[in-house]
C-alpha atoms as a PDB file:
ATOM      1  CA  MET A   1      -0.173   0.168   0.207  1.00  0.00           C
ATOM      2  CA  ASN A   2       2.987   2.276   0.855  1.00  0.00           C
ATOM      3  CA  ARG A   3       4.333   1.920  -2.476  1.00  0.00           C
ATOM      4  CA  LEU A   4       1.163   2.600  -4.124  1.00  0.00           C
ATOM      5  CA  LEU A   5       0.665   5.610  -2.426  1.00  0.00           C
ATOM      6  CA  ILE A   6       3.936   7.053  -3.179  1.00  0.00           C
ATOM      7  CA  VAL A   7       3.873   6.244  -7.333  1.00  0.00           C
ATOM      8  CA  ALA A   8       0.487   7.766  -7.081  1.00  0.00           C
ATOM      9  CA  GLY A   9       2.360  10.997  -5.710  1.00  0.00           C
ATOM     10  CA  ILE A  10       5.192  11.253  -8.802  1.00  0.00           C
ATOM     11  CA  ILE A  11       2.579  10.408 -11.173  1.00  0.00           C
ATOM     12  CA  LEU A  12       0.339  13.551  -9.649  1.00  0.00           C
ATOM     13  CA  ILE A  13       3.711  15.673  -9.048  1.00  0.00           C
ATOM     14  CA  ILE A  14       4.943  14.552 -12.963  1.00  0.00           C
ATOM     15  CA  ILE A  15       1.005  15.523 -14.440  1.00  0.00           C
ATOM     16  CA  GLY A  16       0.807  18.913 -12.953  1.00  0.00           C
ATOM     17  CA  LEU A  17       4.757  20.292 -14.453  1.00  0.00           C
ATOM     18  CA  VAL A  18       3.387  18.612 -17.647  1.00  0.00           C
ATOM     19  CA  GLY A  19      -0.015  20.768 -16.778  1.00  0.00           C
ATOM     20  CA  THR A  20       1.826  23.663 -16.726  1.00  0.00           C
ATOM     21  CA  TYR A  21       3.713  23.664 -20.092  1.00  0.00           C
ATOM     22  CA  ILE A  22       0.902  21.757 -21.827  1.00  0.00           C
ATOM     23  CA  GLY A  23      -2.099  24.439 -20.540  1.00  0.00           C
ATOM     24  CA  LYS A  24      -3.207  25.643 -23.765  1.00  0.00           C
ATOM     25  CA  LEU A  25      -3.684  23.095 -26.391  1.00  0.00           C
ATOM     26  CA  PRO A  26      -5.785  23.552 -29.216  1.00  0.00           C
ATOM     27  CA  GLY A  27      -9.481  22.273 -28.346  1.00  0.00           C
ATOM     28  CA  ASP A  28      -9.180  23.875 -24.901  1.00  0.00           C
ATOM     29  CA  MET A  29     -11.612  26.473 -24.952  1.00  0.00           C
ATOM     30  CA  VAL A  30     -11.431  29.616 -22.888  1.00  0.00           C
ATOM     31  CA  TRP A  31     -14.702  32.222 -22.756  1.00  0.00           C
ATOM     32  CA  LYS A  32     -13.918  35.756 -21.583  1.00  0.00           C
ATOM     33  CA  LYS A  33     -16.661  38.363 -20.909  1.00  0.00           C
ATOM     34  CA  GLY A  34     -16.031  41.601 -18.880  1.00  0.00           C
ATOM     35  CA  ASN A  35     -14.568  40.646 -15.605  1.00  0.00           C
ATOM     36  CA  THR A  36     -14.686  37.086 -15.897  1.00  0.00           C
ATOM     37  CA  THR A  37     -12.944  34.433 -17.627  1.00  0.00           C
ATOM     38  CA  VAL A  38     -14.077  30.575 -17.640  1.00  0.00           C
ATOM     39  CA  TYR A  39     -11.209  28.492 -19.218  1.00  0.00           C
ATOM     40  CA  PHE A  40     -12.300  24.392 -20.224  1.00  0.00           C
ATOM     41  CA  PRO A  41      -8.904  22.566 -20.646  1.00  0.00           C
ATOM     42  CA  ILE A  42     -11.049  19.400 -22.871  1.00  0.00           C
ATOM     43  CA  MET A  43      -7.959  18.577 -25.244  1.00  0.00           C
ATOM     44  CA  THR A  44      -5.849  19.145 -21.869  1.00  0.00           C
ATOM     45  CA  SER A  45      -8.321  16.575 -20.237  1.00  0.00           C
ATOM     46  CA  ILE A  46      -7.889  13.847 -23.010  1.00  0.00           C
ATOM     47  CA  ILE A  47      -4.770  13.831 -23.095  1.00  0.00           C
ATOM     48  CA  ILE A  48      -3.901  13.474 -19.442  1.00  0.00           C
ATOM     49  CA  SER A  49      -6.589  10.359 -19.457  1.00  0.00           C
ATOM     50  CA  VAL A  50      -5.405   8.857 -21.868  1.00  0.00           C
ATOM     51  CA  VAL A  51      -1.727   8.922 -20.442  1.00  0.00           C
ATOM     52  CA  LEU A  52      -3.360   8.068 -17.210  1.00  0.00           C
ATOM     53  CA  SER A  53      -5.360   4.938 -18.602  1.00  0.00           C
ATOM     54  CA  LEU A  54      -2.117   3.621 -20.509  1.00  0.00           C
ATOM     55  CA  ILE A  55       0.368   3.934 -17.153  1.00  0.00           C
ATOM     56  CA  PHE A  56      -2.427   2.516 -15.368  1.00  0.00           C
ATOM     57  CA  MET A  57      -2.207  -0.443 -17.902  1.00  0.00           C
ATOM     58  CA  ILE A  58       1.361  -1.259 -17.514  1.00  0.00           C
ATOM     59  CA  ILE A  59       1.109  -0.967 -13.791  1.00  0.00           C
ATOM     60  CA  GLY A  60      -1.841  -3.484 -13.823  1.00  0.00           C
ATOM     61  CA  ARG A  61       0.520  -6.216 -16.233  1.00  0.00           C
ATOM     62  CA  PHE A  62       3.455  -6.286 -13.664  1.00  0.00           C
ATOM     63  CA  LYS A  63       0.416  -7.719 -11.012  1.00  0.00           C
END
């Protein structure tokens, strides 16, 4: 269990670091009106989902 939590923490740190660089991909929508800005990171969410699915699939094969 401890090893799983450490791996999950490392994965979250990597995603956070990559997310700061990926942040504005084509497909991410920004809506600005007056003083309000709404950001929908659709493409970024899809990429993160695919990467996490691959990582967990690989980890699952070793168990």
